[in-house]
N, C-alpha and C. Protein backbone atom coordinates (compact mmCIF):
# COMPACT_ATOMS: atom_id res chain seq x y z
N UNK A 1 165.45 86.49 157.96
CA UNK A 1 166.80 86.17 157.55
C UNK A 1 167.29 84.94 158.30
N UNK A 2 167.45 83.83 157.61
CA UNK A 2 167.93 82.62 158.28
C UNK A 2 169.44 82.63 158.50
N UNK A 3 169.86 81.82 159.45
CA UNK A 3 171.29 81.62 159.69
C UNK A 3 171.82 80.66 158.62
N UNK A 4 173.14 80.64 158.44
CA UNK A 4 173.76 79.75 157.46
C UNK A 4 173.43 78.29 157.76
N UNK A 5 173.28 77.95 159.05
CA UNK A 5 172.97 76.57 159.42
C UNK A 5 171.56 76.15 159.01
N UNK A 6 170.69 77.11 158.69
CA UNK A 6 169.31 76.80 158.31
C UNK A 6 169.11 76.75 156.79
N UNK A 7 170.13 77.09 156.03
CA UNK A 7 170.03 77.08 154.57
C UNK A 7 170.06 75.64 154.07
N UNK A 8 169.19 75.31 153.16
CA UNK A 8 169.11 73.96 152.59
C UNK A 8 169.62 73.95 151.15
N UNK A 9 169.93 72.77 150.68
CA UNK A 9 170.34 72.58 149.29
C UNK A 9 169.18 73.02 148.38
N UNK A 10 169.50 73.56 147.21
CA UNK A 10 168.53 74.07 146.24
C UNK A 10 167.81 75.33 146.72
N UNK A 11 168.43 76.07 147.63
CA UNK A 11 167.88 77.36 148.05
C UNK A 11 168.55 78.46 147.23
N UNK A 12 167.90 79.58 147.13
CA UNK A 12 168.49 80.75 146.47
C UNK A 12 168.77 81.79 147.54
N UNK A 13 170.01 82.29 147.57
CA UNK A 13 170.38 83.28 148.57
C UNK A 13 170.95 84.52 147.90
N UNK A 14 170.77 85.65 148.57
CA UNK A 14 171.39 86.89 148.10
C UNK A 14 172.69 87.04 148.86
N UNK A 15 173.79 87.16 148.12
CA UNK A 15 175.10 87.27 148.74
C UNK A 15 175.98 88.13 147.85
N UNK A 16 176.64 89.09 148.43
CA UNK A 16 177.56 89.95 147.69
C UNK A 16 176.86 90.71 146.55
N UNK A 17 175.60 91.09 146.79
CA UNK A 17 174.85 91.87 145.80
C UNK A 17 174.29 91.08 144.63
N UNK A 18 174.39 89.74 144.67
CA UNK A 18 173.87 88.91 143.58
C UNK A 18 173.02 87.78 144.15
N UNK A 19 172.29 87.12 143.26
CA UNK A 19 171.48 85.97 143.67
C UNK A 19 172.25 84.71 143.30
N UNK A 20 172.44 83.83 144.28
CA UNK A 20 173.19 82.59 144.10
C UNK A 20 172.27 81.41 144.40
N UNK A 21 172.47 80.33 143.67
CA UNK A 21 171.72 79.10 143.86
C UNK A 21 172.62 78.09 144.56
N UNK A 22 172.21 77.61 145.74
CA UNK A 22 173.04 76.71 146.55
C UNK A 22 172.87 75.28 146.02
N UNK A 23 173.95 74.72 145.46
CA UNK A 23 173.90 73.36 144.89
C UNK A 23 174.37 72.30 145.86
N UNK A 24 175.32 72.65 146.75
CA UNK A 24 175.88 71.65 147.64
C UNK A 24 176.31 72.31 148.95
N UNK A 25 176.14 71.60 150.06
CA UNK A 25 176.53 72.11 151.37
C UNK A 25 177.32 71.04 152.11
N UNK A 26 178.49 71.42 152.61
CA UNK A 26 179.29 70.52 153.45
C UNK A 26 179.41 71.15 154.82
N UNK A 27 179.11 70.37 155.86
CA UNK A 27 179.21 70.87 157.22
C UNK A 27 180.47 70.30 157.85
N UNK A 28 181.24 71.15 158.53
CA UNK A 28 182.42 70.66 159.24
C UNK A 28 182.48 71.29 160.62
N UNK A 29 183.02 70.54 161.55
CA UNK A 29 183.17 71.02 162.92
C UNK A 29 184.66 71.00 163.24
N UNK A 30 185.33 72.15 163.09
CA UNK A 30 186.77 72.20 163.36
C UNK A 30 187.08 71.91 164.83
N UNK A 31 188.18 71.20 165.05
CA UNK A 31 188.60 70.88 166.42
C UNK A 31 189.22 72.12 167.06
N UNK A 32 189.02 72.27 168.34
CA UNK A 32 189.65 73.35 169.08
C UNK A 32 188.95 74.69 168.97
N UNK A 33 187.82 74.73 168.25
CA UNK A 33 187.07 75.99 168.17
C UNK A 33 185.99 75.99 169.23
N UNK A 34 185.75 77.14 169.75
CA UNK A 34 184.69 77.24 170.75
C UNK A 34 183.35 77.31 170.03
N UNK A 35 182.69 76.19 169.93
CA UNK A 35 181.33 76.21 169.39
C UNK A 35 181.22 75.87 167.94
N UNK A 36 180.85 76.86 167.15
CA UNK A 36 180.23 76.73 165.86
C UNK A 36 180.81 75.85 164.77
N UNK A 37 179.90 75.36 164.00
CA UNK A 37 180.23 74.60 162.81
C UNK A 37 180.50 75.55 161.65
N UNK A 38 181.16 75.04 160.63
CA UNK A 38 181.37 75.79 159.40
C UNK A 38 180.57 75.14 158.29
N UNK A 39 179.98 75.96 157.43
CA UNK A 39 179.19 75.46 156.31
C UNK A 39 179.83 75.94 155.02
N UNK A 40 180.35 75.00 154.24
CA UNK A 40 180.96 75.33 152.95
C UNK A 40 179.90 75.10 151.89
N UNK A 41 179.55 76.18 151.19
CA UNK A 41 178.48 76.10 150.20
C UNK A 41 179.02 76.31 148.80
N UNK A 42 178.66 75.42 147.90
CA UNK A 42 178.97 75.59 146.48
C UNK A 42 177.75 76.28 145.88
N UNK A 43 177.99 77.48 145.34
CA UNK A 43 176.88 78.29 144.84
C UNK A 43 177.13 78.69 143.39
N UNK A 44 176.03 78.80 142.64
CA UNK A 44 176.09 79.21 141.24
C UNK A 44 175.31 80.51 141.06
N UNK A 45 175.89 81.45 140.34
CA UNK A 45 175.22 82.71 140.02
C UNK A 45 174.06 82.38 139.09
N UNK A 46 172.85 82.83 139.43
CA UNK A 46 171.68 82.48 138.62
C UNK A 46 171.70 83.16 137.25
N UNK A 47 172.42 84.26 137.10
CA UNK A 47 172.45 84.97 135.83
C UNK A 47 173.57 84.44 134.92
N UNK A 48 174.79 84.39 135.45
CA UNK A 48 175.94 84.03 134.62
C UNK A 48 176.29 82.55 134.70
N UNK A 49 175.88 81.86 135.76
CA UNK A 49 176.23 80.45 135.93
C UNK A 49 177.60 80.25 136.55
N UNK A 50 178.28 81.35 136.94
CA UNK A 50 179.59 81.24 137.57
C UNK A 50 179.47 80.53 138.91
N UNK A 51 180.51 79.78 139.28
CA UNK A 51 180.49 78.98 140.50
C UNK A 51 181.45 79.57 141.52
N UNK A 52 181.02 79.60 142.79
CA UNK A 52 181.92 79.97 143.88
C UNK A 52 181.71 79.00 145.04
N UNK A 53 182.75 78.85 145.84
CA UNK A 53 182.66 78.11 147.10
C UNK A 53 182.89 79.11 148.22
N UNK A 54 181.93 79.21 149.12
CA UNK A 54 182.04 80.14 150.25
C UNK A 54 181.85 79.37 151.54
N UNK A 55 182.55 79.78 152.58
CA UNK A 55 182.41 79.16 153.88
C UNK A 55 181.79 80.17 154.84
N UNK A 56 180.75 79.71 155.55
CA UNK A 56 180.04 80.56 156.50
C UNK A 56 180.07 79.91 157.88
N UNK A 57 180.10 80.76 158.94
CA UNK A 57 179.90 80.26 160.29
C UNK A 57 178.42 79.96 160.45
N UNK A 58 178.09 79.07 161.38
CA UNK A 58 176.67 78.71 161.54
C UNK A 58 175.80 79.88 161.97
N UNK A 59 176.40 80.92 162.56
CA UNK A 59 175.62 82.07 163.02
C UNK A 59 175.52 83.19 161.98
N UNK A 60 176.25 83.08 160.84
CA UNK A 60 176.17 84.10 159.80
C UNK A 60 174.74 84.18 159.25
N UNK A 61 174.27 85.40 159.03
CA UNK A 61 172.92 85.60 158.52
C UNK A 61 172.95 85.78 157.00
N UNK A 62 172.05 85.12 156.30
CA UNK A 62 171.96 85.21 154.84
C UNK A 62 170.53 85.57 154.45
N UNK A 63 170.38 86.32 153.37
CA UNK A 63 169.06 86.65 152.84
C UNK A 63 168.64 85.60 151.84
N UNK A 64 167.42 85.11 151.97
CA UNK A 64 166.87 84.20 150.96
C UNK A 64 166.35 85.02 149.80
N UNK A 65 166.59 84.56 148.59
CA UNK A 65 166.09 85.25 147.41
C UNK A 65 164.67 84.77 147.12
N UNK A 66 163.94 85.57 146.37
CA UNK A 66 162.58 85.21 145.99
C UNK A 66 162.65 84.04 145.00
N UNK A 67 162.08 82.92 145.39
CA UNK A 67 162.19 81.69 144.63
C UNK A 67 160.80 81.15 144.33
N UNK A 68 160.56 80.76 143.10
CA UNK A 68 159.27 80.21 142.70
C UNK A 68 159.47 78.83 142.10
N UNK A 69 158.62 77.90 142.48
CA UNK A 69 158.67 76.55 141.90
C UNK A 69 157.42 76.34 141.07
N UNK A 70 157.61 75.89 139.81
CA UNK A 70 156.49 75.65 138.90
C UNK A 70 156.55 74.20 138.42
N UNK A 71 155.41 73.52 138.49
CA UNK A 71 155.33 72.15 137.98
C UNK A 71 155.53 72.17 136.48
N UNK A 72 156.36 71.24 135.98
CA UNK A 72 156.68 71.23 134.55
C UNK A 72 156.93 69.80 134.07
N UNK A 73 156.94 69.65 132.76
CA UNK A 73 157.29 68.38 132.13
C UNK A 73 158.38 68.63 131.11
N UNK A 74 159.20 67.59 130.87
CA UNK A 74 160.24 67.70 129.85
C UNK A 74 159.57 67.75 128.49
N UNK A 75 159.93 68.73 127.67
CA UNK A 75 159.32 68.89 126.36
C UNK A 75 160.24 68.37 125.26
N UNK A 76 161.40 69.00 125.08
CA UNK A 76 162.35 68.55 124.05
C UNK A 76 163.73 69.15 124.30
N UNK A 77 164.71 68.58 123.60
CA UNK A 77 166.08 69.10 123.68
C UNK A 77 166.41 69.74 122.34
N UNK A 78 167.03 70.92 122.41
CA UNK A 78 167.43 71.66 121.21
C UNK A 78 168.91 71.98 121.34
N UNK A 79 169.76 71.06 120.86
CA UNK A 79 171.20 71.25 121.03
C UNK A 79 171.55 71.12 122.49
N UNK A 80 172.17 72.15 123.07
CA UNK A 80 172.52 72.15 124.49
C UNK A 80 171.44 72.75 125.37
N UNK A 81 170.32 73.16 124.78
CA UNK A 81 169.21 73.72 125.55
C UNK A 81 168.14 72.65 125.75
N UNK A 82 167.66 72.53 126.99
CA UNK A 82 166.58 71.61 127.30
C UNK A 82 165.36 72.43 127.65
N UNK A 83 164.24 72.12 127.01
CA UNK A 83 163.03 72.92 127.16
C UNK A 83 162.01 72.14 128.00
N UNK A 84 161.50 72.81 129.04
CA UNK A 84 160.49 72.25 129.92
C UNK A 84 159.24 73.11 129.82
N UNK A 85 158.07 72.47 129.88
CA UNK A 85 156.82 73.21 129.73
C UNK A 85 156.05 73.20 131.04
N UNK A 86 155.61 74.40 131.45
CA UNK A 86 154.78 74.56 132.64
C UNK A 86 153.49 73.78 132.43
N UNK A 87 153.08 72.99 133.42
CA UNK A 87 151.87 72.17 133.26
C UNK A 87 150.58 72.96 133.45
N UNK A 88 150.67 74.18 134.00
CA UNK A 88 149.46 74.97 134.20
C UNK A 88 149.22 75.96 133.07
N UNK A 89 150.21 76.81 132.77
CA UNK A 89 149.98 77.85 131.76
C UNK A 89 150.79 77.64 130.47
N UNK A 90 151.45 76.48 130.35
CA UNK A 90 152.18 76.07 129.14
C UNK A 90 153.34 77.00 128.76
N UNK A 91 153.87 77.75 129.72
CA UNK A 91 155.06 78.56 129.48
C UNK A 91 156.23 77.61 129.27
N UNK A 92 157.13 77.97 128.34
CA UNK A 92 158.30 77.13 128.11
C UNK A 92 159.51 77.74 128.80
N UNK A 93 160.28 76.88 129.48
CA UNK A 93 161.49 77.30 130.18
C UNK A 93 162.68 76.57 129.58
N UNK A 94 163.71 77.31 129.18
CA UNK A 94 164.92 76.71 128.62
C UNK A 94 166.03 76.71 129.66
N UNK A 95 166.67 75.56 129.80
CA UNK A 95 167.81 75.44 130.71
C UNK A 95 168.98 74.84 129.94
N UNK A 96 170.18 75.35 130.22
CA UNK A 96 171.37 74.88 129.54
C UNK A 96 171.78 73.51 130.08
N UNK A 97 172.27 72.65 129.19
CA UNK A 97 172.68 71.29 129.56
C UNK A 97 173.68 71.30 130.72
N UNK A 98 174.64 72.23 130.71
CA UNK A 98 175.67 72.29 131.74
C UNK A 98 175.09 72.52 133.12
N UNK A 99 174.08 73.38 133.22
CA UNK A 99 173.53 73.73 134.54
C UNK A 99 172.66 72.63 135.13
N UNK A 100 172.18 71.69 134.31
CA UNK A 100 171.32 70.62 134.82
C UNK A 100 171.87 69.24 134.51
N UNK A 101 173.19 69.12 134.31
CA UNK A 101 173.80 67.84 133.91
C UNK A 101 173.47 66.71 134.88
N UNK A 102 173.54 66.95 136.19
CA UNK A 102 173.24 65.89 137.16
C UNK A 102 171.77 65.47 137.11
N UNK A 103 170.87 66.43 136.96
CA UNK A 103 169.45 66.15 136.94
C UNK A 103 169.03 65.37 135.68
N UNK A 104 169.74 65.58 134.56
CA UNK A 104 169.38 64.91 133.31
C UNK A 104 169.48 63.39 133.42
N UNK A 105 170.29 62.88 134.34
CA UNK A 105 170.41 61.43 134.53
C UNK A 105 169.11 60.81 135.05
N UNK A 106 168.20 61.64 135.56
CA UNK A 106 166.96 61.12 136.14
C UNK A 106 165.72 61.52 135.33
N UNK A 107 165.92 62.19 134.19
CA UNK A 107 164.77 62.70 133.44
C UNK A 107 164.58 61.90 132.16
N UNK A 108 163.39 61.32 132.03
CA UNK A 108 163.00 60.67 130.77
C UNK A 108 161.79 61.45 130.26
N UNK A 109 161.31 61.07 129.09
CA UNK A 109 160.20 61.83 128.50
C UNK A 109 158.91 61.76 129.31
N UNK A 110 158.78 60.74 130.18
CA UNK A 110 157.54 60.60 130.95
C UNK A 110 157.74 60.83 132.45
N UNK A 111 158.82 61.50 132.85
CA UNK A 111 159.08 61.77 134.27
C UNK A 111 158.00 62.69 134.83
N UNK A 112 157.40 62.26 135.95
CA UNK A 112 156.36 63.05 136.62
C UNK A 112 156.94 63.73 137.85
N UNK A 113 156.37 64.87 138.24
CA UNK A 113 156.75 65.54 139.48
C UNK A 113 157.92 66.49 139.36
N UNK A 114 158.30 66.85 138.14
CA UNK A 114 159.40 67.81 137.94
C UNK A 114 158.95 69.21 138.33
N UNK A 115 159.87 69.99 138.88
CA UNK A 115 159.60 71.40 139.19
C UNK A 115 160.72 72.23 138.59
N UNK A 116 160.37 73.32 137.90
CA UNK A 116 161.35 74.28 137.43
C UNK A 116 161.44 75.36 138.49
N UNK A 117 162.66 75.70 138.90
CA UNK A 117 162.87 76.72 139.93
C UNK A 117 163.17 78.03 139.23
N UNK A 118 162.38 79.05 139.57
CA UNK A 118 162.52 80.38 138.96
C UNK A 118 162.98 81.39 140.01
N UNK A 119 163.91 82.23 139.61
CA UNK A 119 164.32 83.37 140.42
C UNK A 119 164.08 84.60 139.55
N UNK A 120 163.21 85.49 140.01
CA UNK A 120 162.83 86.68 139.23
C UNK A 120 162.35 86.28 137.83
N UNK A 121 161.48 85.28 137.77
CA UNK A 121 160.87 84.76 136.53
C UNK A 121 161.86 84.18 135.52
N UNK A 122 163.10 83.92 135.93
CA UNK A 122 164.08 83.29 135.04
C UNK A 122 164.36 81.88 135.56
N UNK A 123 164.29 80.86 134.69
CA UNK A 123 164.56 79.49 135.14
C UNK A 123 166.03 79.32 135.50
N UNK A 124 166.30 78.75 136.67
CA UNK A 124 167.69 78.57 137.11
C UNK A 124 168.04 77.12 137.40
N UNK A 125 167.06 76.27 137.72
CA UNK A 125 167.38 74.89 138.07
C UNK A 125 166.13 74.02 138.02
N UNK A 126 166.35 72.74 138.22
CA UNK A 126 165.25 71.77 138.30
C UNK A 126 165.22 71.17 139.70
N UNK A 127 164.01 70.88 140.16
CA UNK A 127 163.83 70.17 141.41
C UNK A 127 163.18 68.84 141.05
N UNK A 128 163.85 67.75 141.36
CA UNK A 128 163.37 66.43 140.98
C UNK A 128 162.51 65.82 142.07
N UNK A 129 161.60 64.91 141.69
CA UNK A 129 160.85 64.19 142.72
C UNK A 129 161.80 63.26 143.48
N UNK A 130 161.40 62.76 144.66
CA UNK A 130 162.30 61.89 145.44
C UNK A 130 162.63 60.58 144.72
N UNK A 131 161.66 60.05 143.95
CA UNK A 131 161.90 58.82 143.20
C UNK A 131 161.44 59.00 141.76
N UNK A 132 162.13 58.30 140.84
CA UNK A 132 161.75 58.33 139.43
C UNK A 132 161.71 56.90 138.91
N UNK A 133 160.94 56.69 137.84
CA UNK A 133 160.87 55.39 137.18
C UNK A 133 161.64 55.47 135.88
N UNK A 134 162.59 54.54 135.69
CA UNK A 134 163.41 54.52 134.49
C UNK A 134 163.50 53.09 133.94
N UNK A 135 163.79 52.98 132.64
CA UNK A 135 163.94 51.68 132.00
C UNK A 135 165.39 51.23 132.04
N UNK A 136 165.58 49.92 132.24
CA UNK A 136 166.93 49.34 132.22
C UNK A 136 167.30 49.13 130.75
N UNK A 137 168.35 49.83 130.30
CA UNK A 137 168.77 49.74 128.90
C UNK A 137 169.75 48.59 128.69
N UNK A 138 170.58 48.32 129.69
CA UNK A 138 171.62 47.32 129.51
C UNK A 138 172.06 46.77 130.85
N UNK A 139 172.06 45.45 130.99
CA UNK A 139 172.58 44.80 132.19
C UNK A 139 172.89 43.35 131.84
N UNK A 140 173.60 42.69 132.73
CA UNK A 140 173.90 41.27 132.51
C UNK A 140 172.59 40.49 132.53
N UNK A 141 172.58 39.31 131.91
CA UNK A 141 171.35 38.50 131.92
C UNK A 141 170.88 38.21 133.34
N UNK A 142 169.56 38.12 133.50
CA UNK A 142 169.03 37.85 134.84
C UNK A 142 169.30 36.39 135.20
N UNK A 143 169.41 36.15 136.49
CA UNK A 143 169.70 34.80 136.99
C UNK A 143 168.45 34.28 137.66
N UNK A 144 167.97 33.12 137.22
CA UNK A 144 166.77 32.53 137.81
C UNK A 144 167.05 32.23 139.28
N UNK A 145 166.15 32.64 140.14
CA UNK A 145 166.35 32.45 141.57
C UNK A 145 167.28 33.49 142.17
N UNK A 146 167.63 34.51 141.39
CA UNK A 146 168.54 35.55 141.85
C UNK A 146 167.97 36.41 142.95
N UNK A 147 166.65 36.41 143.12
CA UNK A 147 166.06 37.27 144.15
C UNK A 147 166.31 36.71 145.55
N UNK A 148 166.75 35.46 145.64
CA UNK A 148 167.00 34.86 146.95
C UNK A 148 168.35 35.31 147.52
N UNK A 149 169.19 35.89 146.67
CA UNK A 149 170.50 36.35 147.16
C UNK A 149 170.52 37.87 147.22
N UNK A 150 171.49 38.40 147.94
CA UNK A 150 171.60 39.86 148.08
C UNK A 150 172.65 40.43 147.13
N UNK A 151 173.13 39.61 146.18
CA UNK A 151 174.15 40.10 145.25
C UNK A 151 173.53 41.06 144.24
N UNK A 152 174.36 42.01 143.81
CA UNK A 152 173.87 42.99 142.83
C UNK A 152 174.77 43.00 141.61
N UNK A 153 174.29 43.66 140.57
CA UNK A 153 175.04 43.83 139.34
C UNK A 153 174.77 45.24 138.83
N UNK A 154 175.68 45.83 138.03
CA UNK A 154 175.43 47.17 137.49
C UNK A 154 174.41 47.12 136.36
N UNK A 155 173.57 48.16 136.30
CA UNK A 155 172.60 48.27 135.21
C UNK A 155 172.66 49.69 134.66
N UNK A 156 172.78 49.80 133.35
CA UNK A 156 172.77 51.12 132.71
C UNK A 156 171.32 51.41 132.34
N UNK A 157 170.84 52.58 132.79
CA UNK A 157 169.44 52.94 132.54
C UNK A 157 169.32 53.75 131.25
N UNK A 158 168.11 53.99 130.81
CA UNK A 158 167.85 54.67 129.53
C UNK A 158 168.42 56.08 129.48
N UNK A 159 168.68 56.70 130.63
CA UNK A 159 169.22 58.06 130.67
C UNK A 159 170.74 58.09 130.75
N UNK A 160 171.38 56.93 130.90
CA UNK A 160 172.83 56.87 131.03
C UNK A 160 173.29 56.65 132.46
N UNK A 161 172.39 56.76 133.42
CA UNK A 161 172.72 56.53 134.83
C UNK A 161 173.01 55.05 135.05
N UNK A 162 174.03 54.74 135.87
CA UNK A 162 174.35 53.36 136.21
C UNK A 162 174.08 53.17 137.69
N UNK A 163 173.24 52.18 138.02
CA UNK A 163 172.93 51.86 139.42
C UNK A 163 173.11 50.35 139.63
N UNK A 164 173.30 49.97 140.88
CA UNK A 164 173.39 48.56 141.23
C UNK A 164 171.98 48.02 141.43
N UNK A 165 171.68 46.88 140.78
CA UNK A 165 170.35 46.26 140.88
C UNK A 165 170.51 44.81 141.29
N UNK A 166 169.46 44.20 141.86
CA UNK A 166 169.52 42.77 142.19
C UNK A 166 169.67 41.94 140.92
N UNK A 167 170.16 40.71 141.09
CA UNK A 167 170.44 39.84 139.95
C UNK A 167 169.21 39.47 139.12
N UNK A 168 168.00 39.55 139.70
CA UNK A 168 166.81 39.14 138.96
C UNK A 168 166.29 40.21 137.98
N UNK A 169 166.85 41.40 138.00
CA UNK A 169 166.44 42.47 137.08
C UNK A 169 167.07 42.22 135.71
N UNK A 170 166.26 42.39 134.66
CA UNK A 170 166.73 42.12 133.29
C UNK A 170 166.63 43.38 132.44
N UNK A 171 167.32 43.38 131.30
CA UNK A 171 167.24 44.48 130.34
C UNK A 171 165.78 44.63 129.91
N UNK A 172 165.30 45.88 129.88
CA UNK A 172 163.91 46.15 129.50
C UNK A 172 162.98 46.34 130.69
N UNK A 173 163.39 45.92 131.88
CA UNK A 173 162.56 46.11 133.08
C UNK A 173 162.48 47.60 133.40
N UNK A 174 161.39 47.99 134.05
CA UNK A 174 161.22 49.37 134.51
C UNK A 174 161.39 49.35 136.02
N UNK A 175 162.30 50.22 136.53
CA UNK A 175 162.60 50.21 137.96
C UNK A 175 162.41 51.60 138.56
N UNK A 176 162.25 51.64 139.89
CA UNK A 176 162.19 52.90 140.63
C UNK A 176 163.56 53.17 141.22
N UNK A 177 164.00 54.44 141.14
CA UNK A 177 165.33 54.83 141.63
C UNK A 177 165.17 56.00 142.60
N UNK A 178 165.86 55.91 143.75
CA UNK A 178 165.92 57.02 144.69
C UNK A 178 166.87 58.06 144.11
N UNK A 179 166.39 59.29 143.91
CA UNK A 179 167.16 60.32 143.23
C UNK A 179 168.36 60.77 144.07
N UNK A 180 168.16 61.03 145.35
CA UNK A 180 169.23 61.57 146.17
C UNK A 180 170.36 60.57 146.38
N UNK A 181 170.01 59.31 146.64
CA UNK A 181 171.03 58.29 146.92
C UNK A 181 171.47 57.54 145.67
N UNK A 182 170.79 57.75 144.55
CA UNK A 182 171.08 57.05 143.29
C UNK A 182 171.05 55.54 143.50
N UNK A 183 170.01 55.05 144.17
CA UNK A 183 169.91 53.63 144.49
C UNK A 183 168.61 53.04 143.95
N UNK A 184 168.67 51.76 143.64
CA UNK A 184 167.53 50.95 143.21
C UNK A 184 166.55 50.81 144.37
N UNK A 185 165.25 51.03 144.10
CA UNK A 185 164.24 50.87 145.14
C UNK A 185 163.35 49.65 144.90
N UNK A 186 163.12 49.31 143.63
CA UNK A 186 162.25 48.18 143.33
C UNK A 186 161.76 48.28 141.90
N UNK A 187 161.02 47.26 141.50
CA UNK A 187 160.41 47.30 140.17
C UNK A 187 159.27 48.31 140.17
N UNK A 188 159.05 48.91 139.01
CA UNK A 188 157.96 49.90 138.89
C UNK A 188 156.66 49.19 138.55
């Protein structure tokens, strides 16, 4: 049983008799308290998708839920359901658009390194690779010699994500993007 301070983002915890998926963690150190930090966790119920925000002391003990990660690829979208296929046994996992809205900004048809997170054999979330390659769908024209300066311009990618790119990047280029920081890393 780990302490609240040891829980990481994208973990599944058992709390209040249910399994919750931790989407976001904020750490705060209140002034005037003897010691401990507070951890505010935004959690989603894996069954219903309901959201709660709970605050834990760093010494509070939490149970980790049984969590399985399976390598998968994006298969197709059916309305608000997105279907991913297991790369080993070809099982299909459906996830609702609402539950993976942030992750969809980084997923194209050829994204490699995707993982579907399962709790009790039910798909609950996606785990993205640290970097993804995406196509630039729309940006201002490239400037010759623009690589010599550190100025950037916004670029809309094929998934709808907007990132700042150097001036020498043009529409149609394929770039690498850091998923966590949503930043341009370089040409692919």
